[in-house]
């Protein structure tokens, strides 16, 4: 289940999945629930925002809209990109260096 929700199928080593499973705790679930209840006023954000999203349909979430684009518009993100292949925990996936380079490039242009 964790693999299906957090990672792009076929783009993660079993060692990474095991690491995540061993380190998830009650606080992880609580933090996730608290985040879902948070309200953030985009007008109070002055830093440039980069939304780096993933195709949620890969984990079974079906939405009639591009959630990444809506989030980027709501928070007036300077840029947004949908990563492929990639999932929620892309920093632990096989191609993590591609995403690190994307961040480095974006930060250098900010």
PDB file of N, CA and C in Angstrom:
ATOM      1  N   UNK A   1       0.823  -1.202   0.000  1.00  0.00           N
ATOM      2  CA  UNK A   1       0.000   0.000   0.000  1.00  0.00           C
ATOM      3  C   UNK A   1       0.864   1.262   0.000  1.00  0.00           C
ATOM      4  N   UNK A   2       1.881   1.320   0.868  1.00  0.00           N
ATOM      5  CA  UNK A   2       2.745   2.497   0.947  1.00  0.00           C
ATOM      6  C   UNK A   2       3.427   2.734  -0.385  1.00  0.00           C
ATOM      7  N   UNK A   3       3.880   1.665  -0.995  1.00  0.00           N
ATOM      8  CA  UNK A   3       4.562   1.781  -2.281  1.00  0.00           C
ATOM      9  C   UNK A   3       3.630   2.409  -3.316  1.00  0.00           C
ATOM     10  N   UNK A   4       2.380   1.993  -3.331  1.00  0.00           N
ATOM     11  CA  UNK A   4       1.421   2.496  -4.307  1.00  0.00           C
ATOM     12  C   UNK A   4       1.071   3.965  -4.068  1.00  0.00           C
ATOM     13  N   UNK A   5       1.085   4.403  -2.838  1.00  0.00           N
ATOM     14  CA  UNK A   5       0.674   5.769  -2.515  1.00  0.00           C
ATOM     15  C   UNK A   5       1.838   6.754  -2.586  1.00  0.00           C
ATOM     16  N   UNK A   6       3.023   6.351  -2.198  1.00  0.00           N
ATOM     17  CA  UNK A   6       4.136   7.283  -2.072  1.00  0.00           C
ATOM     18  C   UNK A   6       5.115   7.288  -3.239  1.00  0.00           C
ATOM     19  N   UNK A   7       5.152   6.217  -4.008  1.00  0.00           N
ATOM     20  CA  UNK A   7       6.181   6.094  -5.032  1.00  0.00           C
ATOM     21  C   UNK A   7       5.596   5.805  -6.406  1.00  0.00           C
ATOM     22  N   UNK A   8       6.341   6.192  -7.432  1.00  0.00           N
ATOM     23  CA  UNK A   8       5.990   5.819  -8.796  1.00  0.00           C
ATOM     24  C   UNK A   8       6.363   4.353  -8.969  1.00  0.00           C
ATOM     25  N   UNK A   9       5.400   3.538  -9.343  1.00  0.00           N
ATOM     26  CA  UNK A   9       5.610   2.096  -9.492  1.00  0.00           C
ATOM     27  C   UNK A   9       6.801   1.823 -10.411  1.00  0.00           C
ATOM     28  N   UNK A  10       7.702   0.997  -9.965  1.00  0.00           N
ATOM     29  CA  UNK A  10       8.858   0.623 -10.761  1.00  0.00           C
ATOM     30  C   UNK A  10      10.000   1.614 -10.707  1.00  0.00           C
ATOM     31  N   UNK A  11       9.846   2.677  -9.941  1.00  0.00           N
ATOM     32  CA  UNK A  11      10.886   3.713  -9.891  1.00  0.00           C
ATOM     33  C   UNK A  11      11.505   3.824  -8.500  1.00  0.00           C
ATOM     34  N   UNK A  12      11.367   2.770  -7.710  1.00  0.00           N
ATOM     35  CA  UNK A  12      11.884   2.813  -6.349  1.00  0.00           C
ATOM     36  C   UNK A  12      12.483   1.463  -5.973  1.00  0.00           C
ATOM     37  N   UNK A  13      13.603   1.518  -5.270  1.00  0.00           N
ATOM     38  CA  UNK A  13      14.224   0.297  -4.765  1.00  0.00           C
ATOM     39  C   UNK A  13      13.477  -0.187  -3.527  1.00  0.00           C
ATOM     40  N   UNK A  14      13.452  -1.483  -3.336  1.00  0.00           N
ATOM     41  CA  UNK A  14      12.771  -2.061  -2.163  1.00  0.00           C
ATOM     42  C   UNK A  14      13.378  -1.549  -0.862  1.00  0.00           C
ATOM     43  N   UNK A  15      14.680  -1.244  -0.869  1.00  0.00           N
ATOM     44  CA  UNK A  15      15.324  -0.724   0.342  1.00  0.00           C
ATOM     45  C   UNK A  15      14.696   0.610   0.769  1.00  0.00           C
ATOM     46  N   UNK A  16      14.339   1.437  -0.195  1.00  0.00           N
ATOM     47  CA  UNK A  16      13.710   2.725   0.123  1.00  0.00           C
ATOM     48  C   UNK A  16      12.323   2.523   0.697  1.00  0.00           C
ATOM     49  N   UNK A  17      11.573   1.591   0.142  1.00  0.00           N
ATOM     50  CA  UNK A  17      10.236   1.296   0.656  1.00  0.00           C
ATOM     51  C   UNK A  17      10.347   0.787   2.084  1.00  0.00           C
ATOM     52  N   UNK A  18      11.284  -0.121   2.326  1.00  0.00           N
ATOM     53  CA  UNK A  18      11.493  -0.663   3.673  1.00  0.00           C
ATOM     54  C   UNK A  18      11.868   0.448   4.640  1.00  0.00           C
ATOM     55  N   UNK A  19      12.752   1.353   4.219  1.00  0.00           N
ATOM     56  CA  UNK A  19      13.161   2.481   5.068  1.00  0.00           C
ATOM     57  C   UNK A  19      11.950   3.323   5.462  1.00  0.00           C
ATOM     58  N   UNK A  20      11.120   3.650   4.494  1.00  0.00           N
ATOM     59  CA  UNK A  20       9.940   4.474   4.780  1.00  0.00           C
ATOM     60  C   UNK A  20       9.003   3.745   5.731  1.00  0.00           C
ATOM     61  N   UNK A  21       8.742   2.481   5.481  1.00  0.00           N
ATOM     62  CA  UNK A  21       7.853   1.707   6.354  1.00  0.00           C
ATOM     63  C   UNK A  21       8.376   1.644   7.784  1.00  0.00           C
ATOM     64  N   UNK A  22       9.702   1.503   7.928  1.00  0.00           N
ATOM     65  CA  UNK A  22      10.294   1.417   9.261  1.00  0.00           C
ATOM     66  C   UNK A  22      10.255   2.744   9.999  1.00  0.00           C
ATOM     67  N   UNK A  23      10.182   3.861   9.262  1.00  0.00           N
ATOM     68  CA  UNK A  23      10.244   5.166   9.903  1.00  0.00           C
ATOM     69  C   UNK A  23       8.911   5.902   9.979  1.00  0.00           C
ATOM     70  N   UNK A  24       7.870   5.334   9.386  1.00  0.00           N
ATOM     71  CA  UNK A  24       6.542   5.921   9.547  1.00  0.00           C
ATOM     72  C   UNK A  24       6.072   5.627  10.966  1.00  0.00           C
ATOM     73  N   UNK A  25       5.488   6.586  11.571  1.00  0.00           N
ATOM     74  CA  UNK A  25       4.978   6.382  12.922  1.00  0.00           C
ATOM     75  C   UNK A  25       3.653   7.084  13.090  1.00  0.00           C
ATOM     76  N   UNK A  26       3.150   7.028  14.297  1.00  0.00           N
ATOM     77  CA  UNK A  26       1.877   7.689  14.568  1.00  0.00           C
ATOM     78  C   UNK A  26       1.945   9.175  14.254  1.00  0.00           C
ATOM     79  N   UNK A  27       3.127   9.776  14.496  1.00  0.00           N
ATOM     80  CA  UNK A  27       3.248  11.212  14.231  1.00  0.00           C
ATOM     81  C   UNK A  27       3.126  11.516  12.747  1.00  0.00           C
ATOM     82  N   UNK A  28       3.501  10.569  11.890  1.00  0.00           N
ATOM     83  CA  UNK A  28       3.368  10.774  10.442  1.00  0.00           C
ATOM     84  C   UNK A  28       1.901  10.877  10.052  1.00  0.00           C
ATOM     85  N   UNK A  29       1.084   9.990  10.586  1.00  0.00           N
ATOM     86  CA  UNK A  29      -0.350  10.027  10.304  1.00  0.00           C
ATOM     87  C   UNK A  29      -0.987  11.285  10.880  1.00  0.00           C
ATOM     88  N   UNK A  30      -0.584  11.649  12.102  1.00  0.00           N
ATOM     89  CA  UNK A  30      -1.130  12.852  12.726  1.00  0.00           C
ATOM     90  C   UNK A  30      -0.734  14.094  11.946  1.00  0.00           C
ATOM     91  N   UNK A  31       0.521  14.165  11.531  1.00  0.00           N
ATOM     92  CA  UNK A  31       0.988  15.325  10.757  1.00  0.00           C
ATOM     93  C   UNK A  31       0.214  15.427   9.446  1.00  0.00           C
ATOM     94  N   UNK A  32      -0.015  14.299   8.794  1.00  0.00           N
ATOM     95  CA  UNK A  32      -0.786  14.309   7.547  1.00  0.00           C
ATOM     96  C   UNK A  32      -2.197  14.808   7.770  1.00  0.00           C
ATOM     97  N   UNK A  33      -2.818  14.368   8.845  1.00  0.00           N
ATOM     98  CA  UNK A  33      -4.178  14.818   9.155  1.00  0.00           C
ATOM     99  C   UNK A  33      -4.199  16.310   9.479  1.00  0.00           C
ATOM    100  N   UNK A  34      -3.200  16.780  10.224  1.00  0.00           N
ATOM    101  CA  UNK A  34      -3.134  18.198  10.582  1.00  0.00           C
ATOM    102  C   UNK A  34      -2.920  19.070   9.349  1.00  0.00           C
ATOM    103  N   UNK A  35      -2.088  18.615   8.433  1.00  0.00           N
ATOM    104  CA  UNK A  35      -1.834  19.377   7.210  1.00  0.00           C
ATOM    105  C   UNK A  35      -3.121  19.544   6.417  1.00  0.00           C
ATOM    106  N   UNK A  36      -3.935  18.505   6.372  1.00  0.00           N
ATOM    107  CA  UNK A  36      -5.186  18.580   5.619  1.00  0.00           C
ATOM    108  C   UNK A  36      -6.157  19.594   6.221  1.00  0.00           C
ATOM    109  N   UNK A  37      -5.991  19.915   7.501  1.00  0.00           N
ATOM    110  CA  UNK A  37      -6.881  20.861   8.177  1.00  0.00           C
ATOM    111  C   UNK A  37      -6.349  22.294   8.163  1.00  0.00           C
ATOM    112  N   UNK A  38      -5.109  22.473   7.720  1.00  0.00           N
ATOM    113  CA  UNK A  38      -4.493  23.802   7.745  1.00  0.00           C
ATOM    114  C   UNK A  38      -5.075  24.705   6.667  1.00  0.00           C
ATOM    115  N   UNK A  39      -5.203  25.964   7.011  1.00  0.00           N
ATOM    116  CA  UNK A  39      -5.603  26.962   6.031  1.00  0.00           C
ATOM    117  C   UNK A  39      -4.439  27.926   5.861  1.00  0.00           C
ATOM    118  N   UNK A  40      -4.044  28.138   4.630  1.00  0.00           N
ATOM    119  CA  UNK A  40      -2.931  29.026   4.323  1.00  0.00           C
ATOM    120  C   UNK A  40      -3.457  30.137   3.427  1.00  0.00           C
ATOM    121  N   UNK A  41      -3.155  31.364   3.798  1.00  0.00           N
ATOM    122  CA  UNK A  41      -3.569  32.513   2.994  1.00  0.00           C
ATOM    123  C   UNK A  41      -2.443  32.840   2.013  1.00  0.00           C
ATOM    124  N   UNK A  42      -2.640  32.567   0.738  1.00  0.00           N
ATOM    125  CA  UNK A  42      -1.587  32.832  -0.246  1.00  0.00           C
ATOM    126  C   UNK A  42      -1.117  34.287  -0.247  1.00  0.00           C
ATOM    127  N   UNK A  43      -1.947  35.195   0.177  1.00  0.00           N
ATOM    128  CA  UNK A  43      -1.567  36.612   0.205  1.00  0.00           C
ATOM    129  C   UNK A  43      -0.439  36.885   1.202  1.00  0.00           C
ATOM    130  N   UNK A  44      -0.239  35.986   2.155  1.00  0.00           N
ATOM    131  CA  UNK A  44       0.802  36.174   3.165  1.00  0.00           C
ATOM    132  C   UNK A  44       2.131  35.511   2.786  1.00  0.00           C
ATOM    133  N   UNK A  45       2.202  34.942   1.603  1.00  0.00           N
ATOM    134  CA  UNK A  45       3.425  34.281   1.163  1.00  0.00           C
ATOM    135  C   UNK A  45       4.174  35.230   0.230  1.00  0.00           C
ATOM    136  N   UNK A  46       5.403  35.566   0.616  1.00  0.00           N
ATOM    137  CA  UNK A  46       6.177  36.495  -0.209  1.00  0.00           C
ATOM    138  C   UNK A  46       7.317  35.803  -0.972  1.00  0.00           C
ATOM    139  N   UNK A  47       7.626  34.593  -0.610  1.00  0.00           N
ATOM    140  CA  UNK A  47       8.707  33.854  -1.289  1.00  0.00           C
ATOM    141  C   UNK A  47       8.196  33.288  -2.612  1.00  0.00           C
ATOM    142  N   UNK A  48       9.083  33.155  -3.594  1.00  0.00           N
ATOM    143  CA  UNK A  48       8.662  32.514  -4.839  1.00  0.00           C
ATOM    144  C   UNK A  48       8.282  31.052  -4.568  1.00  0.00           C
ATOM    145  N   UNK A  49       7.283  30.568  -5.263  1.00  0.00           N
ATOM    146  CA  UNK A  49       6.779  29.213  -5.043  1.00  0.00           C
ATOM    147  C   UNK A  49       6.952  28.388  -6.305  1.00  0.00           C
ATOM    148  N   UNK A  50       7.411  27.160  -6.112  1.00  0.00           N
ATOM    149  CA  UNK A  50       7.566  26.200  -7.194  1.00  0.00           C
ATOM    150  C   UNK A  50       6.762  24.969  -6.813  1.00  0.00           C
ATOM    151  N   UNK A  51       5.690  24.688  -7.528  1.00  0.00           N
ATOM    152  CA  UNK A  51       4.886  23.499  -7.274  1.00  0.00           C
ATOM    153  C   UNK A  51       5.439  22.374  -8.140  1.00  0.00           C
ATOM    154  N   UNK A  52       5.914  21.342  -7.496  1.00  0.00           N
ATOM    155  CA  UNK A  52       6.427  20.165  -8.186  1.00  0.00           C
ATOM    156  C   UNK A  52       5.481  19.026  -7.838  1.00  0.00           C
ATOM    157  N   UNK A  53       4.622  18.666  -8.773  1.00  0.00           N
ATOM    158  CA  UNK A  53       3.586  17.686  -8.497  1.00  0.00           C
ATOM    159  C   UNK A  53       3.804  16.383  -9.237  1.00  0.00           C
ATOM    160  N   UNK A  54       2.868  15.466  -9.040  1.00  0.00           N
ATOM    161  CA  UNK A  54       2.925  14.185  -9.733  1.00  0.00           C
ATOM    162  C   UNK A  54       1.521  13.812 -10.180  1.00  0.00           C
ATOM    163  N   UNK A  55       1.447  12.895 -11.102  1.00  0.00           N
ATOM    164  CA  UNK A  55       0.173  12.439 -11.644  1.00  0.00           C
ATOM    165  C   UNK A  55      -0.514  11.558 -10.605  1.00  0.00           C
ATOM    166  N   UNK A  56      -1.478  12.125  -9.899  1.00  0.00           N
ATOM    167  CA  UNK A  56      -2.149  11.407  -8.811  1.00  0.00           C
ATOM    168  C   UNK A  56      -2.971  10.228  -9.301  1.00  0.00           C
ATOM    169  N   UNK A  57      -3.277  10.168 -10.581  1.00  0.00           N
ATOM    170  CA  UNK A  57      -4.038   9.024 -11.087  1.00  0.00           C
ATOM    171  C   UNK A  57      -3.227   7.736 -10.971  1.00  0.00           C
ATOM    172  N   UNK A  58      -1.889   7.863 -10.877  1.00  0.00           N
ATOM    173  CA  UNK A  58      -1.042   6.683 -10.736  1.00  0.00           C
ATOM    174  C   UNK A  58      -1.256   5.989  -9.392  1.00  0.00           C
ATOM    175  N   UNK A  59      -1.786   6.719  -8.414  1.00  0.00           N
ATOM    176  CA  UNK A  59      -2.039   6.101  -7.100  1.00  0.00           C
ATOM    177  C   UNK A  59      -3.540   5.926  -6.863  1.00  0.00           C
ATOM    178  N   UNK A  60      -4.310   6.019  -7.937  1.00  0.00           N
ATOM    179  CA  UNK A  60      -5.733   5.746  -7.843  1.00  0.00           C
ATOM    180  C   UNK A  60      -6.614   6.957  -7.586  1.00  0.00           C
ATOM    181  N   UNK A  61      -6.037   8.127  -7.494  1.00  0.00           N
ATOM    182  CA  UNK A  61      -6.838   9.338  -7.284  1.00  0.00           C
ATOM    183  C   UNK A  61      -7.289   9.872  -8.645  1.00  0.00           C
ATOM    184  N   UNK A  62      -8.582   9.952  -8.832  1.00  0.00           N
ATOM    185  CA  UNK A  62      -9.118  10.473 -10.082  1.00  0.00           C
ATOM    186  C   UNK A  62      -9.730  11.837  -9.813  1.00  0.00           C
ATOM    187  N   UNK A  63      -9.312  12.825 -10.567  1.00  0.00           N
ATOM    188  CA  UNK A  63      -9.840  14.180 -10.401  1.00  0.00           C
ATOM    189  C   UNK A  63     -10.133  14.754 -11.787  1.00  0.00           C
ATOM    190  N   UNK A  64     -11.232  15.484 -11.918  1.00  0.00           N
ATOM    191  CA  UNK A  64     -11.574  16.052 -13.219  1.00  0.00           C
ATOM    192  C   UNK A  64     -10.732  17.290 -13.567  1.00  0.00           C
ATOM    193  N   UNK A  65      -9.827  17.663 -12.676  1.00  0.00           N
ATOM    194  CA  UNK A  65      -8.994  18.851 -12.882  1.00  0.00           C
ATOM    195  C   UNK A  65      -7.534  18.492 -12.646  1.00  0.00           C
ATOM    196  N   UNK A  66      -6.644  19.341 -13.122  1.00  0.00           N
ATOM    197  CA  UNK A  66      -5.216  19.180 -12.848  1.00  0.00           C
ATOM    198  C   UNK A  66      -4.963  19.811 -11.479  1.00  0.00           C
ATOM    199  N   UNK A  67      -4.915  18.989 -10.449  1.00  0.00           N
ATOM    200  CA  UNK A  67      -4.761  19.464  -9.075  1.00  0.00           C
ATOM    201  C   UNK A  67      -3.472  20.278  -8.917  1.00  0.00           C
ATOM    202  N   UNK A  68      -2.420  19.870  -9.595  1.00  0.00           N
ATOM    203  CA  UNK A  68      -1.154  20.597  -9.518  1.00  0.00           C
ATOM    204  C   UNK A  68      -1.311  22.022 -10.045  1.00  0.00           C
ATOM    205  N   UNK A  69      -1.995  22.160 -11.168  1.00  0.00           N
ATOM    206  CA  UNK A  69      -2.200  23.481 -11.768  1.00  0.00           C
ATOM    207  C   UNK A  69      -3.069  24.358 -10.870  1.00  0.00           C
ATOM    208  N   UNK A  70      -4.123  23.787 -10.307  1.00  0.00           N
ATOM    209  CA  UNK A  70      -4.997  24.531  -9.400  1.00  0.00           C
ATOM    210  C   UNK A  70      -4.213  25.014  -8.189  1.00  0.00           C
ATOM    211  N   UNK A  71      -3.386  24.151  -7.615  1.00  0.00           N
ATOM    212  CA  UNK A  71      -2.560  24.525  -6.471  1.00  0.00           C
ATOM    213  C   UNK A  71      -1.601  25.652  -6.852  1.00  0.00           C
ATOM    214  N   UNK A  72      -0.972  25.514  -8.009  1.00  0.00           N
ATOM    215  CA  UNK A  72      -0.041  26.547  -8.469  1.00  0.00           C
ATOM    216  C   UNK A  72      -0.754  27.885  -8.667  1.00  0.00           C
ATOM    217  N   UNK A  73      -1.950  27.848  -9.225  1.00  0.00           N
ATOM    218  CA  UNK A  73      -2.712  29.083  -9.428  1.00  0.00           C
ATOM    219  C   UNK A  73      -3.147  29.688  -8.099  1.00  0.00           C
ATOM    220  N   UNK A  74      -3.634  28.852  -7.186  1.00  0.00           N
ATOM    221  CA  UNK A  74      -4.109  29.339  -5.884  1.00  0.00           C
ATOM    222  C   UNK A  74      -2.993  30.025  -5.109  1.00  0.00           C
ATOM    223  N   UNK A  75      -1.793  29.454  -5.164  1.00  0.00           N
ATOM    224  CA  UNK A  75      -0.674  30.011  -4.408  1.00  0.00           C
ATOM    225  C   UNK A  75       0.210  30.931  -5.249  1.00  0.00           C
ATOM    226  N   UNK A  76      -0.294  31.263  -6.451  1.00  0.00           N
ATOM    227  CA  UNK A  76       0.432  32.176  -7.340  1.00  0.00           C
ATOM    228  C   UNK A  76       1.892  31.747  -7.508  1.00  0.00           C
ATOM    229  N   UNK A  77       2.044  30.463  -7.769  1.00  0.00           N
ATOM    230  CA  UNK A  77       3.382  29.900  -7.955  1.00  0.00           C
ATOM    231  C   UNK A  77       4.034  30.504  -9.190  1.00  0.00           C
ATOM    232  N   UNK A  78       5.306  30.758  -9.076  1.00  0.00           N
ATOM    233  CA  UNK A  78       6.042  31.271 -10.224  1.00  0.00           C
ATOM    234  C   UNK A  78       6.133  30.207 -11.311  1.00  0.00           C
ATOM    235  N   UNK A  79       6.252  28.951 -10.886  1.00  0.00           N
ATOM    236  CA  UNK A  79       6.356  27.841 -11.822  1.00  0.00           C
ATOM    237  C   UNK A  79       5.704  26.603 -11.214  1.00  0.00           C
ATOM    238  N   UNK A  80       5.300  25.696 -12.101  1.00  0.00           N
ATOM    239  CA  UNK A  80       4.884  24.375 -11.636  1.00  0.00           C
ATOM    240  C   UNK A  80       5.231  23.355 -12.705  1.00  0.00           C
ATOM    241  N   UNK A  81       5.451  22.146 -12.242  1.00  0.00           N
ATOM    242  CA  UNK A  81       5.812  21.063 -13.149  1.00  0.00           C
ATOM    243  C   UNK A  81       5.287  19.752 -12.575  1.00  0.00           C
ATOM    244  N   UNK A  82       4.819  18.896 -13.457  1.00  0.00           N
ATOM    245  CA  UNK A  82       4.424  17.546 -13.069  1.00  0.00           C
ATOM    246  C   UNK A  82       5.603  16.646 -13.399  1.00  0.00           C
ATOM    247  N   UNK A  83       6.096  15.911 -12.406  1.00  0.00           N
ATOM    248  CA  UNK A  83       7.290  15.089 -12.576  1.00  0.00           C
ATOM    249  C   UNK A  83       6.927  13.704 -13.100  1.00  0.00           C
ATOM    250  N   UNK A  84       7.721  13.223 -14.019  1.00  0.00           N
ATOM    251  CA  UNK A  84       7.532  11.892 -14.591  1.00  0.00           C
ATOM    252  C   UNK A  84       8.890  11.278 -14.884  1.00  0.00           C
ATOM    253  N   UNK A  85       9.154  10.072 -14.471  1.00  0.00           N
ATOM    254  CA  UNK A  85       8.348   9.378 -13.479  1.00  0.00           C
ATOM    255  C   UNK A  85       8.617   9.981 -12.107  1.00  0.00           C
ATOM    256  N   UNK A  86       7.665   9.902 -11.277  1.00  0.00           N
ATOM    257  CA  UNK A  86       7.840  10.421  -9.930  1.00  0.00           C
ATOM    258  C   UNK A  86       6.582  10.254  -9.113  1.00  0.00           C
ATOM    259  N   UNK A  87       6.770  10.220  -7.823  1.00  0.00           N
ATOM    260  CA  UNK A  87       5.658  10.098  -6.899  1.00  0.00           C
ATOM    261  C   UNK A  87       5.843  11.070  -5.759  1.00  0.00           C
ATOM    262  N   UNK A  88       5.092  10.883  -4.705  1.00  0.00           N
ATOM    263  CA  UNK A  88       5.136  11.781  -3.557  1.00  0.00           C
ATOM    264  C   UNK A  88       6.525  11.833  -2.931  1.00  0.00           C
ATOM    265  N   UNK A  89       7.166  10.700  -2.792  1.00  0.00           N
ATOM    266  CA  UNK A  89       8.506  10.640  -2.194  1.00  0.00           C
ATOM    267  C   UNK A  89       9.581  10.508  -3.271  1.00  0.00           C
ATOM    268  N   UNK A  90       9.515  11.382  -4.261  1.00  0.00           N
ATOM    269  CA  UNK A  90      10.446  11.309  -5.399  1.00  0.00           C
ATOM    270  C   UNK A  90      11.901  11.414  -4.978  1.00  0.00           C
ATOM    271  N   UNK A  91      12.169  12.011  -3.826  1.00  0.00           N
ATOM    272  CA  UNK A  91      13.561  12.144  -3.384  1.00  0.00           C
ATOM    273  C   UNK A  91      14.186  10.801  -3.004  1.00  0.00           C
ATOM    274  N   UNK A  92      13.363   9.776  -2.889  1.00  0.00           N
ATOM    275  CA  UNK A  92      13.865   8.435  -2.589  1.00  0.00           C
ATOM    276  C   UNK A  92      13.785   7.516  -3.801  1.00  0.00           C
ATOM    277  N   UNK A  93      13.342   8.044  -4.925  1.00  0.00           N
ATOM    278  CA  UNK A  93      13.198   7.223  -6.120  1.00  0.00           C
ATOM    279  C   UNK A  93      14.505   7.157  -6.903  1.00  0.00           C
ATOM    280  N   UNK A  94      14.557   6.247  -7.846  1.00  0.00           N
ATOM    281  CA  UNK A  94      15.780   5.984  -8.597  1.00  0.00           C
ATOM    282  C   UNK A  94      16.317   7.213  -9.326  1.00  0.00           C
ATOM    283  N   UNK A  95      15.447   8.084  -9.798  1.00  0.00           N
ATOM    284  CA  UNK A  95      15.880   9.252 -10.568  1.00  0.00           C
ATOM    285  C   UNK A  95      15.879  10.533  -9.726  1.00  0.00           C
ATOM    286  N   UNK A  96      16.170  10.417  -8.446  1.00  0.00           N
ATOM    287  CA  UNK A  96      16.140  11.571  -7.540  1.00  0.00           C
ATOM    288  C   UNK A  96      17.069  12.687  -8.002  1.00  0.00           C
ATOM    289  N   UNK A  97      18.176  12.329  -8.659  1.00  0.00           N
ATOM    290  CA  UNK A  97      19.126  13.359  -9.089  1.00  0.00           C
ATOM    291  C   UNK A  97      18.516  14.275 -10.145  1.00  0.00           C
ATOM    292  N   UNK A  98      17.610  13.756 -10.967  1.00  0.00           N
ATOM    293  CA  UNK A  98      16.929  14.595 -11.954  1.00  0.00           C
ATOM    294  C   UNK A  98      16.143  15.703 -11.248  1.00  0.00           C
ATOM    295  N   UNK A  99      15.484  15.345 -10.168  1.00  0.00           N
ATOM    296  CA  UNK A  99      14.682  16.328  -9.441  1.00  0.00           C
ATOM    297  C   UNK A  99      15.561  17.314  -8.678  1.00  0.00           C
ATOM    298  N   UNK A 100      16.670  16.823  -8.150  1.00  0.00           N
ATOM    299  CA  UNK A 100      17.614  17.712  -7.470  1.00  0.00           C
ATOM    300  C   UNK A 100      18.124  18.763  -8.446  1.00  0.00           C
ATOM    301  N   UNK A 101      18.421  18.346  -9.669  1.00  0.00           N
ATOM    302  CA  UNK A 101      18.884  19.302 -10.687  1.00  0.00           C
ATOM    303  C   UNK A 101      17.781  20.302 -11.039  1.00  0.00           C
ATOM    304  N   UNK A 102      16.538  19.823 -11.101  1.00  0.00           N
ATOM    305  CA  UNK A 102      15.418  20.733 -11.386  1.00  0.00           C
ATOM    306  C   UNK A 102      15.321  21.806 -10.304  1.00  0.00           C
ATOM    307  N   UNK A 103      15.440  21.383  -9.049  1.00  0.00           N
ATOM    308  CA  UNK A 103      15.389  22.351  -7.949  1.00  0.00           C
ATOM    309  C   UNK A 103      16.554  23.327  -8.018  1.00  0.00           C
ATOM    310  N   UNK A 104      17.757  22.797  -8.252  1.00  0.00           N
ATOM    311  CA  UNK A 104      18.943  23.667  -8.340  1.00  0.00           C
ATOM    312  C   UNK A 104      18.780  24.711  -9.436  1.00  0.00           C
ATOM    313  N   UNK A 105      18.301  24.289 -10.588  1.00  0.00           N
ATOM    314  CA  UNK A 105      18.094  25.204 -11.705  1.00  0.00           C
ATOM    315  C   UNK A 105      17.054  26.250 -11.351  1.00  0.00           C
ATOM    316  N   UNK A 106      15.967  25.809 -10.749  1.00  0.00           N
ATOM    317  CA  UNK A 106      14.891  26.748 -10.387  1.00  0.00           C
ATOM    318  C   UNK A 106      15.371  27.750  -9.342  1.00  0.00           C
ATOM    319  N   UNK A 107      16.060  27.280  -8.329  1.00  0.00           N
ATOM    320  CA  UNK A 107      16.561  28.172  -7.275  1.00  0.00           C
ATOM    321  C   UNK A 107      17.558  29.180  -7.849  1.00  0.00           C
ATOM    322  N   UNK A 108      18.401  28.733  -8.741  1.00  0.00           N
ATOM    323  CA  UNK A 108      19.390  29.635  -9.355  1.00  0.00           C
ATOM    324  C   UNK A 108      18.717  30.729 -10.174  1.00  0.00           C
ATOM    325  N   UNK A 109      17.519  30.444 -10.682  1.00  0.00           N
ATOM    326  CA  UNK A 109      16.814  31.443 -11.503  1.00  0.00           C
ATOM    327  C   UNK A 109      15.911  32.353 -10.668  1.00  0.00           C
ATOM    328  N   UNK A 110      15.752  32.036  -9.394  1.00  0.00           N
ATOM    329  CA  UNK A 110      14.818  32.805  -8.539  1.00  0.00           C
ATOM    330  C   UNK A 110      15.326  34.196  -8.202  1.00  0.00           C
TER     331      UNK A 110
END
